[in-house]
Structures are given as C-alpha cells and as structure tokens.
C-alpha cells in the first residue's frame, strides 16, 4: 500500500468514526465545501456542506450513534485525486443494521484528503 492509498484509507476511517460518534465538526472537516452527496433517502442530489449536514442530522435523529462500518474497501489513489468503493453497514446501536454500497471521490488539499463526492445506494429489486 502506498502513501496515497494509506492516506485515503485513514481519512475514510476517520470519517466513519466521526459518523458513528455523531461528531458534526469531524465529519465536516473531512469534506470539501462543495461536496456532492447522492444518498439513499431523498433528495437525490445534495450539494454543499449545509445540505450535507442536514442529511446527516436526519440520519442521527433516526438512529443516534450506531453502526457505520466500511468493509470490502477498494482504493485507487493518485497524487491529487482518489476514489474508493466498498460496502457500508449502517443502523442503530445494538442492531444488525443493513448494508448499502458506498462510492467516494476525494481530492488532496495540502497534506489531507477531502471527500468531494459521496454516493450511497441500495440494490434495486
């Protein structure tokens, strides 16, 4: 694993930990101001940190602190941009939760990686 892949993986784990703890400041610190979110619940497209945070508040209001575990993560990282995809188990604490697909685009900002695009989806069917 090279340094760029390691940095992306570390940023995504920090993000997952921040979501599990409902730590608003830490979640936002890992995202660009112009982040675009394609989420499971409507609206289909959310742009910017204000809308992004509003969507997370709905999530935390529904479940509180809980499951937000990334698995099967694949990372492709260049020097300035990266993408990752994997599976995400979400749900309230003490439950099995449910699994969604996760795709994330990131860009380097100095020494840190920021999420610029986040996509959660459930299989159709």
Protein backbone atom coordinates (compact mmCIF):
# COMPACT_ATOMS: atom_id res chain seq x y z
CA UNK A 1 0.00 0.00 0.00
CA UNK A 2 1.49 3.35 -1.00
CA UNK A 3 1.28 6.58 0.99
CA UNK A 4 -1.61 7.99 -1.02
CA UNK A 5 -3.75 4.87 -0.55
CA UNK A 6 -2.88 4.80 3.14
CA UNK A 7 -3.89 8.49 3.48
CA UNK A 8 -7.24 7.88 1.77
CA UNK A 9 -7.97 4.84 3.93
CA UNK A 10 -7.08 6.79 7.07
CA UNK A 11 -9.34 9.69 6.04
CA UNK A 12 -12.26 7.34 5.35
CA UNK A 13 -11.82 5.53 8.66
CA UNK A 14 -11.71 8.89 10.48
CA UNK A 15 -14.94 9.86 8.67
CA UNK A 16 -16.65 6.57 9.61
CA UNK A 17 -15.59 7.03 13.25
CA UNK A 18 -16.91 10.60 13.25
CA UNK A 19 -20.27 9.42 11.84
CA UNK A 20 -20.51 6.64 14.44
CA UNK A 21 -19.99 9.23 17.16
CA UNK A 22 -22.27 11.85 15.54
CA UNK A 23 -19.31 14.27 15.63
CA UNK A 24 -20.51 17.01 13.29
CA UNK A 25 -17.27 19.00 13.26
CA UNK A 26 -15.13 15.96 12.48
CA UNK A 27 -17.47 14.82 9.69
CA UNK A 28 -17.44 18.24 8.04
CA UNK A 29 -13.66 18.63 8.44
CA UNK A 30 -13.19 15.62 6.14
CA UNK A 31 -15.33 17.02 3.30
CA UNK A 32 -14.83 19.80 0.77
CA UNK A 33 -17.13 22.83 0.94
CA UNK A 34 -18.56 21.86 -2.46
CA UNK A 35 -19.22 18.20 -1.56
CA UNK A 36 -21.89 16.41 -3.62
CA UNK A 37 -23.89 13.63 -1.97
CA UNK A 38 -26.07 11.06 -3.72
CA UNK A 39 -27.93 9.49 -0.81
CA UNK A 40 -30.49 6.73 -0.28
CA UNK A 41 -33.27 8.95 1.13
CA UNK A 42 -34.44 11.97 -0.90
CA UNK A 43 -33.40 14.39 -2.16
CA UNK A 44 -31.37 12.55 -4.77
CA UNK A 45 -28.61 15.17 -5.00
CA UNK A 46 -27.27 17.32 -2.19
CA UNK A 47 -24.59 19.93 -2.83
CA UNK A 48 -22.52 21.82 -0.27
CA UNK A 49 -21.87 21.34 3.41
CA UNK A 50 -25.16 22.86 4.59
CA UNK A 51 -27.27 20.30 2.72
CA UNK A 52 -24.78 17.54 3.52
CA UNK A 53 -25.03 18.27 7.23
CA UNK A 54 -28.84 18.45 7.08
CA UNK A 55 -28.89 14.93 5.61
CA UNK A 56 -26.64 13.64 8.39
CA UNK A 57 -28.85 15.26 11.02
CA UNK A 58 -31.77 13.21 9.65
CA UNK A 59 -29.61 10.09 9.92
CA UNK A 60 -28.53 10.82 13.51
CA UNK A 61 -32.07 11.79 14.57
CA UNK A 62 -33.30 8.42 13.27
CA UNK A 63 -30.60 6.24 14.78
CA UNK A 64 -28.34 8.22 17.10
CA UNK A 65 -24.82 6.94 17.45
CA UNK A 66 -24.58 3.50 15.93
CA UNK A 67 -23.28 1.32 13.14
CA UNK A 68 -21.32 2.87 10.30
CA UNK A 69 -18.81 0.26 9.28
CA UNK A 70 -16.96 0.21 5.96
CA UNK A 71 -15.87 -3.15 4.53
CA UNK A 72 -14.50 -4.55 1.28
CA UNK A 73 -12.93 -1.17 0.56
CA UNK A 74 -11.00 -0.73 -2.68
CA UNK A 75 -8.95 2.46 -3.06
CA UNK A 76 -7.33 3.88 -6.18
CA UNK A 77 -5.24 6.93 -5.35
CA UNK A 78 -3.14 9.23 -7.47
CA UNK A 79 -1.20 12.21 -6.22
CA UNK A 80 -4.15 14.65 -6.25
CA UNK A 81 -7.35 12.62 -6.67
CA UNK A 82 -8.64 9.28 -5.48
CA UNK A 83 -11.74 7.15 -5.45
CA UNK A 84 -12.87 4.32 -3.25
CA UNK A 85 -15.73 1.88 -3.22
CA UNK A 86 -16.95 -0.70 -0.77
CA UNK A 87 -19.81 -1.75 1.42
CA UNK A 88 -21.23 0.14 4.35
CA UNK A 89 -23.23 -1.35 7.23
CA UNK A 90 -25.43 1.27 8.89
CA UNK A 91 -28.00 1.12 11.65
CA UNK A 92 -28.82 1.90 15.25
CA UNK A 93 -26.57 0.61 18.01
CA UNK A 94 -27.48 -2.91 19.08
CA UNK A 95 -29.00 -3.85 15.71
CA UNK A 96 -27.65 -5.74 12.72
CA UNK A 97 -28.32 -2.69 10.58
CA UNK A 98 -28.37 -3.03 6.83
CA UNK A 99 -25.83 -2.85 4.05
CA UNK A 100 -25.53 -0.23 1.34
CA UNK A 101 -22.98 0.38 -1.38
CA UNK A 102 -20.52 3.23 -0.98
CA UNK A 103 -18.52 5.13 -3.59
CA UNK A 104 -16.39 8.12 -2.63
CA UNK A 105 -14.32 10.60 -4.64
CA UNK A 106 -11.59 12.58 -2.91
CA UNK A 107 -9.05 15.27 -3.70
CA UNK A 108 -5.87 16.21 -1.94
CA UNK A 109 -5.84 19.50 -0.07
CA UNK A 110 -2.28 20.02 1.10
CA UNK A 111 -1.47 17.04 3.31
CA UNK A 112 -5.05 15.84 3.77
CA UNK A 113 -7.65 14.08 1.65
CA UNK A 114 -11.14 15.62 1.43
CA UNK A 115 -14.28 13.87 0.24
CA UNK A 116 -15.74 15.74 -2.74
CA UNK A 117 -18.33 13.18 -3.80
CA UNK A 118 -20.12 10.58 -1.72
CA UNK A 119 -22.64 8.08 -3.09
CA UNK A 120 -24.71 5.64 -1.01
CA UNK A 121 -27.03 3.21 -2.78
CA UNK A 122 -29.15 0.14 -2.16
CA UNK A 123 -29.58 -2.64 -4.69
CA UNK A 124 -32.77 -2.31 -6.75
CA UNK A 125 -35.08 -5.19 -6.65
